[in-house]
Amino acid sequence: MALQIMRDLCTACGDCEPLCPTQSISPFKGVYRIEASTCNECEGESDVPQCLDACAEDDCIVPA
């Protein structure tokens, strides 16, 4: 499973990008996106996806 960032809710703060252990988060058209092919929801790294903990916007990062 992978996560996705909702473009209309992303504030482009960038807090999520450095925390991603698979480098699946990158800037894209003024906000951020998650590459679904490499996102593993931090499985084996953490109990919860690190980007979810870092994101201050409710429902910005959701299951793909």
N, C-alpha and C. Protein backbone atom coordinates (compact mmCIF):
# COMPACT_ATOMS: atom_id res chain seq x y z
N MET A 1 0.85 -1.18 0.00
CA MET A 1 0.00 0.00 0.00
C MET A 1 0.89 1.24 0.00
N ALA A 2 0.37 2.32 -0.50
CA ALA A 2 1.12 3.58 -0.54
C ALA A 2 0.22 4.71 -0.07
N LEU A 3 0.84 5.83 0.20
CA LEU A 3 0.12 7.02 0.61
C LEU A 3 0.16 8.04 -0.52
N GLN A 4 -0.71 9.02 -0.45
CA GLN A 4 -0.69 10.11 -1.41
C GLN A 4 -0.93 11.43 -0.69
N ILE A 5 -0.43 12.50 -1.26
CA ILE A 5 -0.62 13.83 -0.71
C ILE A 5 -1.71 14.52 -1.51
N MET A 6 -2.68 15.05 -0.80
CA MET A 6 -3.77 15.77 -1.45
C MET A 6 -3.27 17.16 -1.82
N ARG A 7 -3.18 17.43 -3.11
CA ARG A 7 -2.62 18.69 -3.61
C ARG A 7 -3.31 19.92 -3.04
N ASP A 8 -4.63 19.87 -2.91
CA ASP A 8 -5.37 21.05 -2.46
C ASP A 8 -5.19 21.33 -0.97
N LEU A 9 -4.64 20.37 -0.22
CA LEU A 9 -4.41 20.57 1.21
C LEU A 9 -2.94 20.79 1.55
N CYS A 10 -2.05 20.43 0.66
CA CYS A 10 -0.61 20.55 0.91
C CYS A 10 -0.21 22.03 0.93
N THR A 11 0.50 22.42 1.98
CA THR A 11 0.98 23.80 2.11
C THR A 11 2.41 23.96 1.62
N ALA A 12 3.00 22.88 1.13
CA ALA A 12 4.37 22.87 0.61
C ALA A 12 5.39 23.25 1.68
N CYS A 13 5.10 22.91 2.93
CA CYS A 13 6.04 23.23 4.02
C CYS A 13 7.32 22.41 3.92
N GLY A 14 7.22 21.19 3.38
CA GLY A 14 8.40 20.35 3.21
C GLY A 14 8.79 19.54 4.43
N ASP A 15 8.01 19.59 5.49
CA ASP A 15 8.34 18.84 6.72
C ASP A 15 8.38 17.33 6.50
N CYS A 16 7.60 16.83 5.57
CA CYS A 16 7.51 15.39 5.34
C CYS A 16 8.70 14.83 4.54
N GLU A 17 9.22 15.60 3.62
CA GLU A 17 10.23 15.10 2.68
C GLU A 17 11.47 14.49 3.35
N PRO A 18 12.14 15.17 4.29
CA PRO A 18 13.36 14.60 4.85
C PRO A 18 13.13 13.38 5.75
N LEU A 19 11.90 13.15 6.18
CA LEU A 19 11.61 12.03 7.07
C LEU A 19 11.33 10.72 6.35
N CYS A 20 11.12 10.77 5.06
CA CYS A 20 10.76 9.58 4.29
C CYS A 20 11.97 8.67 4.11
N PRO A 21 11.92 7.44 4.68
CA PRO A 21 13.07 6.55 4.58
C PRO A 21 13.30 5.99 3.17
N THR A 22 12.30 6.07 2.31
CA THR A 22 12.47 5.56 0.94
C THR A 22 12.62 6.69 -0.08
N GLN A 23 12.77 7.92 0.39
CA GLN A 23 12.88 9.10 -0.47
C GLN A 23 11.76 9.15 -1.52
N SER A 24 10.55 8.78 -1.09
CA SER A 24 9.40 8.75 -1.99
C SER A 24 8.69 10.09 -2.10
N ILE A 25 9.04 11.05 -1.26
CA ILE A 25 8.38 12.35 -1.26
C ILE A 25 9.28 13.37 -1.94
N SER A 26 8.69 14.12 -2.89
CA SER A 26 9.47 15.13 -3.60
C SER A 26 8.57 16.30 -4.00
N PRO A 27 9.20 17.47 -4.25
CA PRO A 27 8.41 18.61 -4.72
C PRO A 27 7.81 18.31 -6.09
N PHE A 28 6.60 18.83 -6.32
CA PHE A 28 5.94 18.60 -7.60
C PHE A 28 4.92 19.71 -7.82
N LYS A 29 5.17 20.55 -8.81
CA LYS A 29 4.25 21.63 -9.19
C LYS A 29 3.82 22.50 -8.01
N GLY A 30 4.77 22.93 -7.21
CA GLY A 30 4.50 23.86 -6.13
C GLY A 30 4.07 23.24 -4.81
N VAL A 31 3.84 21.94 -4.78
CA VAL A 31 3.51 21.23 -3.55
C VAL A 31 4.38 19.98 -3.50
N TYR A 32 3.97 18.97 -2.75
CA TYR A 32 4.74 17.74 -2.68
C TYR A 32 3.90 16.56 -3.15
N ARG A 33 4.58 15.50 -3.55
CA ARG A 33 3.89 14.27 -3.96
C ARG A 33 4.65 13.07 -3.40
N ILE A 34 3.94 11.94 -3.35
CA ILE A 34 4.53 10.69 -2.90
C ILE A 34 4.54 9.73 -4.08
N GLU A 35 5.69 9.17 -4.37
CA GLU A 35 5.83 8.19 -5.45
C GLU A 35 5.29 6.86 -4.95
N ALA A 36 4.15 6.44 -5.49
CA ALA A 36 3.46 5.23 -5.03
C ALA A 36 4.28 3.97 -5.23
N SER A 37 5.12 3.94 -6.24
CA SER A 37 5.89 2.73 -6.53
C SER A 37 6.98 2.45 -5.50
N THR A 38 7.37 3.47 -4.73
CA THR A 38 8.42 3.26 -3.74
C THR A 38 7.95 3.45 -2.29
N CYS A 39 6.78 4.05 -2.10
CA CYS A 39 6.25 4.25 -0.75
C CYS A 39 5.79 2.92 -0.16
N ASN A 40 6.29 2.62 1.03
CA ASN A 40 5.88 1.39 1.72
C ASN A 40 5.27 1.71 3.09
N GLU A 41 4.84 2.96 3.27
CA GLU A 41 4.25 3.43 4.52
C GLU A 41 5.17 3.19 5.71
N CYS A 42 6.47 3.27 5.48
CA CYS A 42 7.52 3.12 6.50
C CYS A 42 7.52 1.73 7.14
N GLU A 43 7.01 0.75 6.42
CA GLU A 43 7.00 -0.62 6.93
C GLU A 43 8.42 -1.08 7.22
N GLY A 44 8.62 -1.61 8.42
CA GLY A 44 9.94 -2.05 8.83
C GLY A 44 10.80 -0.94 9.42
N GLU A 45 10.35 0.30 9.28
CA GLU A 45 11.09 1.45 9.80
C GLU A 45 10.43 2.03 11.05
N SER A 46 9.10 2.05 11.05
CA SER A 46 8.35 2.72 12.10
C SER A 46 6.96 2.10 12.21
N ASP A 47 6.31 2.31 13.35
CA ASP A 47 4.96 1.80 13.55
C ASP A 47 3.92 2.54 12.72
N VAL A 48 4.17 3.81 12.45
CA VAL A 48 3.28 4.64 11.64
C VAL A 48 4.11 5.37 10.60
N PRO A 49 3.51 5.72 9.46
CA PRO A 49 4.24 6.48 8.45
C PRO A 49 4.75 7.81 9.02
N GLN A 50 6.02 8.08 8.81
CA GLN A 50 6.65 9.27 9.36
C GLN A 50 6.06 10.56 8.80
N CYS A 51 5.64 10.54 7.55
CA CYS A 51 5.08 11.76 6.96
C CYS A 51 3.77 12.15 7.63
N LEU A 52 3.00 11.16 8.08
CA LEU A 52 1.74 11.46 8.77
C LEU A 52 1.99 12.20 10.07
N ASP A 53 3.01 11.80 10.80
CA ASP A 53 3.36 12.48 12.05
C ASP A 53 3.86 13.90 11.79
N ALA A 54 4.54 14.11 10.68
CA ALA A 54 5.13 15.41 10.39
C ALA A 54 4.13 16.42 9.83
N CYS A 55 3.10 15.93 9.16
CA CYS A 55 2.16 16.82 8.48
C CYS A 55 1.18 17.46 9.46
N ALA A 56 1.09 18.78 9.42
CA ALA A 56 0.21 19.52 10.32
C ALA A 56 -1.20 19.69 9.74
N GLU A 57 -1.38 19.36 8.47
CA GLU A 57 -2.68 19.52 7.81
C GLU A 57 -3.49 18.23 7.91
N ASP A 58 -4.67 18.32 8.50
CA ASP A 58 -5.55 17.15 8.61
C ASP A 58 -5.95 16.63 7.24
N ASP A 59 -5.86 15.32 7.07
CA ASP A 59 -6.28 14.62 5.84
C ASP A 59 -5.49 15.03 4.61
N CYS A 60 -4.32 15.58 4.78
CA CYS A 60 -3.48 15.92 3.63
C CYS A 60 -2.81 14.68 3.05
N ILE A 61 -2.39 13.77 3.92
CA ILE A 61 -1.75 12.55 3.47
C ILE A 61 -2.70 11.39 3.78
N VAL A 62 -3.09 10.69 2.71
CA VAL A 62 -4.12 9.64 2.82
C VAL A 62 -3.69 8.40 2.05
N PRO A 63 -4.34 7.26 2.30
CA PRO A 63 -4.02 6.06 1.49
C PRO A 63 -4.31 6.30 0.02
N ALA A 64 -3.46 5.76 -0.81
CA ALA A 64 -3.64 5.91 -2.27
C ALA A 64 -4.72 5.00 -2.79
